[in-house]
Protein backbone atom coordinates (compact mmCIF):
# COMPACT_ATOMS: atom_id res chain seq x y z
CA MET A 1 -11.77 -9.60 24.39
CA SER A 2 -11.63 -9.66 20.61
CA GLN A 3 -12.06 -12.88 18.66
CA GLN A 4 -8.82 -14.72 17.89
CA PHE A 5 -8.58 -16.08 14.33
CA ASP A 6 -7.00 -19.36 13.37
CA GLU A 7 -4.03 -18.64 11.13
CA LYS A 8 -3.80 -22.18 9.77
CA LYS A 9 -7.49 -22.32 8.76
CA ILE A 10 -7.30 -18.94 7.05
CA ILE A 11 -4.20 -19.94 5.09
CA GLU A 12 -5.90 -23.17 4.04
CA LYS A 13 -8.91 -21.27 2.68
CA GLY A 14 -6.58 -19.11 0.56
CA VAL A 15 -5.29 -15.62 1.28
CA PRO A 16 -5.63 -12.77 -1.24
CA ASP A 17 -2.68 -12.24 -3.60
CA HIS A 18 -2.71 -8.44 -3.34
CA VAL A 19 -3.66 -6.52 -0.24
CA ALA A 20 -3.62 -2.73 -0.10
CA ILE A 21 -3.88 -0.75 3.16
CA ILE A 22 -4.71 2.91 3.80
CA LEU A 23 -2.70 3.51 6.95
CA ASP A 24 -4.90 5.85 9.00
CA GLY A 25 -5.11 6.89 12.61
CA ASN A 26 -1.51 7.49 13.60
CA GLY A 27 -2.20 10.99 14.88
CA ARG A 28 -5.35 10.00 16.75
CA TRP A 29 -3.54 7.03 18.30
CA ALA A 30 -0.94 9.47 19.65
CA LYS A 31 -3.47 12.07 20.79
CA LYS A 32 -5.37 9.43 22.73
CA ARG A 33 -2.17 8.76 24.65
CA LEU A 34 -1.34 12.48 25.09
CA LEU A 35 1.67 12.09 22.77
CA PRO A 36 2.77 14.26 19.85
CA ARG A 37 1.46 13.19 16.44
CA THR A 38 4.98 12.30 15.36
CA MET A 39 5.04 9.48 17.92
CA GLY A 40 2.02 7.98 16.20
CA HIS A 41 3.84 8.09 12.87
CA ARG A 42 6.87 6.47 14.48
CA LYS A 43 4.76 3.67 15.88
CA GLY A 44 2.99 3.35 12.53
CA ALA A 45 6.31 2.93 10.69
CA PHE A 46 7.27 0.04 12.95
CA ASN A 47 3.89 -1.52 12.28
CA ILE A 48 4.47 -1.53 8.50
CA ARG A 49 7.48 -3.76 9.21
CA ASN A 50 5.49 -6.06 11.48
CA ILE A 51 2.52 -6.46 9.14
CA ALA A 52 4.72 -6.91 6.06
CA ARG A 53 6.65 -9.71 7.77
CA TYR A 54 3.42 -11.42 8.79
CA ALA A 55 1.85 -11.00 5.36
CA ASN A 56 4.95 -12.60 3.88
CA LYS A 57 4.68 -15.47 6.38
CA ILE A 58 1.05 -16.32 5.52
CA GLY A 59 1.57 -16.19 1.74
CA ILE A 60 0.32 -12.80 0.59
CA LYS A 61 2.28 -11.93 -2.54
CA TYR A 62 1.76 -8.14 -2.76
CA LEU A 63 1.22 -5.58 -0.02
CA THR A 64 0.77 -1.93 -1.04
CA VAL A 65 0.58 0.63 1.75
CA TYR A 66 -0.46 4.29 1.52
CA CYS A 67 2.25 6.14 3.41
CA PHE A 68 2.03 9.73 2.16
CA SER A 69 -0.47 11.15 -0.31
CA THR A 70 -0.11 14.02 -2.77
CA GLU A 71 -2.46 15.95 -0.46
CA ASN A 72 -0.44 15.33 2.72
CA TRP A 73 1.93 18.20 1.83
CA LYS A 74 -0.84 20.45 3.22
CA ARG A 75 -0.22 19.20 6.75
CA PRO A 76 1.73 21.31 9.31
CA GLN A 77 5.35 21.73 8.11
CA GLN A 78 6.78 20.16 11.24
CA GLU A 79 4.77 16.98 10.63
CA VAL A 80 5.70 16.88 6.93
CA ASP A 81 9.38 17.32 7.79
CA TYR A 82 9.15 14.40 10.21
CA LEU A 83 7.46 12.20 7.64
CA MET A 84 10.17 12.99 5.10
CA GLN A 85 13.09 12.56 7.51
CA HIS A 86 12.18 9.77 9.91
CA PRO A 87 11.88 7.02 7.24
CA VAL A 88 15.51 7.66 6.25
CA ARG A 89 16.75 6.96 9.76
CA TYR A 90 14.41 4.01 10.14
CA LEU A 91 15.30 2.39 6.80
CA LYS A 92 19.04 2.84 7.36
CA ARG A 93 18.73 1.38 10.85
CA TYR A 94 17.17 -1.79 9.47
CA MET A 95 19.03 -1.85 6.14
CA SER A 96 20.92 -5.08 6.87
CA ASP A 97 17.73 -6.86 7.97
CA ILE A 98 15.95 -5.67 4.80
CA ILE A 99 18.79 -6.79 2.53
CA ASN A 100 19.13 -10.18 4.23
CA GLY A 101 15.40 -10.86 4.24
CA SER A 102 13.13 -12.14 1.47
CA ILE A 103 10.79 -9.15 1.06
CA LYS A 104 11.11 -7.11 -2.12
CA ILE A 105 10.56 -3.38 -1.54
CA THR A 106 9.42 -0.91 -4.20
CA PHE A 107 7.79 2.51 -4.08
CA ILE A 108 5.28 4.35 -6.24
CA GLY A 109 4.36 8.01 -6.55
CA ARG A 110 5.93 11.24 -7.68
CA ARG A 111 9.71 11.37 -7.40
CA ASP A 112 10.36 15.05 -8.03
CA ARG A 113 9.21 16.47 -4.66
CA ILE A 114 10.65 13.94 -2.21
CA PRO A 115 13.84 15.14 -0.50
CA HIS A 116 17.02 13.57 -1.88
CA PRO A 117 18.04 11.69 1.31
CA LEU A 118 14.70 9.84 1.31
CA ILE A 119 14.46 9.12 -2.39
CA ASP A 120 18.11 8.03 -2.53
CA THR A 121 17.49 5.59 0.35
CA LEU A 122 14.33 4.24 -1.32
CA LEU A 123 16.15 3.73 -4.62
CA GLU A 124 18.97 1.96 -2.82
CA ILE A 125 16.55 -0.41 -1.14
CA GLU A 126 14.73 -1.06 -4.39
CA GLU A 127 17.99 -2.00 -6.05
CA LYS A 128 19.22 -4.21 -3.19
CA THR A 129 15.95 -6.12 -2.86
CA LYS A 130 14.99 -6.40 -6.52
CA ASN A 131 15.86 -10.12 -6.66
CA HIS A 132 14.07 -11.04 -3.45
CA THR A 133 11.41 -13.68 -4.00
CA GLY A 134 9.07 -13.11 -1.05
CA LEU A 135 6.31 -10.59 -0.58
CA GLN A 136 6.51 -7.41 -2.66
CA LEU A 137 6.00 -4.50 -0.28
CA THR A 138 5.16 -1.31 -2.17
CA LEU A 139 5.31 2.01 -0.35
CA ALA A 140 3.04 4.69 -1.87
CA ILE A 141 4.82 7.96 -1.12
CA ASP A 142 3.71 11.31 -2.60
CA TYR A 143 1.11 9.18 -4.34
CA GLY A 144 -2.33 10.13 -5.58
CA SER A 145 -4.44 8.09 -7.97
CA MET A 146 -5.58 11.15 -9.95
CA GLU A 147 -1.94 12.22 -10.44
CA GLU A 148 -1.04 8.66 -11.47
CA ILE A 149 -3.85 8.53 -14.05
CA THR A 150 -2.88 11.97 -15.37
CA HIS A 151 0.72 10.81 -15.71
CA ALA A 152 -0.42 7.72 -17.61
CA VAL A 153 -2.64 9.75 -19.98
CA LYS A 154 0.20 12.16 -20.77
CA SER A 155 2.55 9.25 -21.48
CA ILE A 156 0.06 7.64 -23.85
CA CYS A 157 -0.66 10.97 -25.58
CA LYS A 158 3.06 11.53 -26.13
CA ASP A 159 3.39 8.12 -27.77
CA VAL A 160 0.47 8.96 -30.05
CA VAL A 161 2.05 12.31 -31.00
CA ASP A 162 5.40 10.54 -31.62
CA ASN A 163 3.59 8.01 -33.85
CA LYS A 164 4.48 5.11 -31.54
CA LEU A 165 0.79 4.46 -30.99
CA SER A 166 -2.44 5.07 -32.83
CA ILE A 167 -5.69 6.08 -31.15
CA GLU A 168 -7.01 2.58 -31.92
CA ASP A 169 -4.22 1.08 -29.79
CA ILE A 170 -5.56 2.70 -26.62
CA ASN A 171 -7.47 0.17 -24.55
CA GLU A 172 -7.92 -0.91 -20.95
CA LYS A 173 -4.77 -3.09 -21.03
CA LEU A 174 -2.60 -0.23 -22.26
CA ILE A 175 -3.95 2.17 -19.63
CA MET A 176 -3.31 -0.29 -16.80
CA SER A 177 0.20 -0.98 -18.13
CA SER A 178 0.92 2.77 -18.02
CA LEU A 179 0.23 3.07 -14.29
CA TYR A 180 2.87 2.99 -11.54
CA THR A 181 1.54 -0.46 -10.58
CA ARG A 182 2.06 -1.96 -14.03
CA ASN A 183 4.00 -4.91 -12.64
CA MET A 184 1.41 -5.82 -10.02
CA PRO A 185 -1.94 -7.59 -10.26
CA PRO A 186 -5.15 -5.74 -9.33
CA VAL A 187 -5.93 -5.34 -5.63
CA ASP A 188 -7.98 -8.12 -4.10
CA LEU A 189 -8.55 -6.63 -0.66
CA LEU A 190 -8.36 -2.98 0.35
CA ILE A 191 -8.20 -2.27 4.10
CA ARG A 192 -8.62 1.13 5.72
CA THR A 193 -7.94 1.59 9.43
CA SER A 194 -9.25 4.15 11.98
CA GLY A 195 -12.94 4.13 11.07
CA GLU A 196 -12.91 6.40 8.04
CA ILE A 197 -15.00 5.06 5.15
CA ARG A 198 -13.54 6.52 2.00
CA ILE A 199 -10.84 5.72 -0.60
CA SER A 200 -8.93 9.03 -0.40
CA ASN A 201 -7.49 8.97 -3.95
CA PHE A 202 -5.75 5.61 -3.50
CA LEU A 203 -5.39 3.05 -6.33
CA MET A 204 -8.75 3.97 -7.84
CA LEU A 205 -8.38 1.91 -11.01
CA GLN A 206 -6.58 -0.96 -9.31
CA ILE A 207 -9.39 -1.51 -6.78
CA ALA A 208 -12.17 -1.65 -9.39
CA TYR A 209 -13.19 -5.16 -8.20
CA ALA A 210 -11.45 -5.28 -4.84
CA GLU A 211 -13.28 -6.15 -1.64
CA LEU A 212 -13.27 -3.17 0.75
CA TYR A 213 -12.79 -3.60 4.48
CA PHE A 214 -13.02 -0.81 7.04
CA THR A 215 -12.02 -1.13 10.66
CA ASP A 216 -12.15 1.28 13.62
CA VAL A 217 -8.72 0.11 14.78
CA TYR A 218 -6.00 2.76 14.50
CA TRP A 219 -3.09 1.76 12.30
CA PRO A 220 -0.50 1.45 15.14
CA ASP A 221 -2.85 -1.07 16.84
CA PHE A 222 -3.57 -3.06 13.66
CA ASN A 223 -1.85 -6.33 14.51
CA GLU A 224 -1.55 -9.83 13.05
CA ASN A 225 -4.95 -10.92 14.36
CA GLU A 226 -6.60 -7.81 12.84
CA LEU A 227 -5.11 -8.76 9.46
CA LEU A 228 -6.47 -12.30 9.83
CA LYS A 229 -9.86 -10.81 10.73
CA ALA A 230 -9.84 -8.73 7.54
CA ILE A 231 -8.86 -11.74 5.46
CA ASP A 232 -11.56 -13.90 7.12
CA ASN A 233 -14.09 -11.23 6.16
CA TYR A 234 -12.73 -11.23 2.59
CA GLN A 235 -12.97 -15.03 2.36
CA ASN A 236 -16.65 -14.86 3.21
CA ARG A 237 -17.48 -12.44 0.42
CA ASN A 238 -19.13 -13.53 -2.85
CA ARG A 239 -16.68 -12.17 -5.45
CA ARG A 240 -18.62 -11.96 -8.74
CA PHE A 241 -16.53 -9.46 -10.77
CA GLY A 242 -19.67 -8.06 -12.35
CA GLY A 243 -21.20 -11.48 -13.09
CA LEU A 244 -23.21 -13.94 -11.06
CA LYS A 245 -21.98 -16.75 -8.85
CA GLU A 246 -24.18 -19.58 -7.81
CA SER A 247 -24.72 -19.89 -4.09
CA LYS A 248 -23.58 -23.12 -2.54
């Protein structure tokens, strides 16, 4: 039996402001149960809702989840179609709950390749939750960090060409403010499920000083206690941000 973590004690020690999660293992979760991969994605979608609600409850301010990468278009067409269509049905089904809740929902990534029914639904939810004051849940869809950085560089270069900026104006602050995540703080804790130990082109600049946590648990099985376990691990790290911190 896995260790049960004390929610109250973890909240008292201070939860991270910004948690990012690479949602991995949906397909393997389904295969283990002799189910089609799409059933793993369905279960995984429900779990985003569960974890977001719990993160909001314990005081996390930002939760960014990697739903669909720029490389995921290479997956079998049937699976891609499901990943582009199912969220529309899911989000519309829970639209009233989303609107009447406190969680603010945004999304980052390319917007030119996502089918209109999905992007229209996402934009509608962004608009209807923009004044919510709880957790900000950001869905990374058709997102890739290299694409994001390229987009930022092109935007800065255009401003230089248009004489809105000079070369001397380009600094770290400007680059970070040109990313999709410009209105969010840097990531404090990055979690990846399913046992893979890599970043997979996710928020590469934003996680420069994040604590990284890898778990063998498949995303559909990543529950409230698993999130507390990850935060407990984070709380026991010595975060130095490139400097030195005296041991107590």
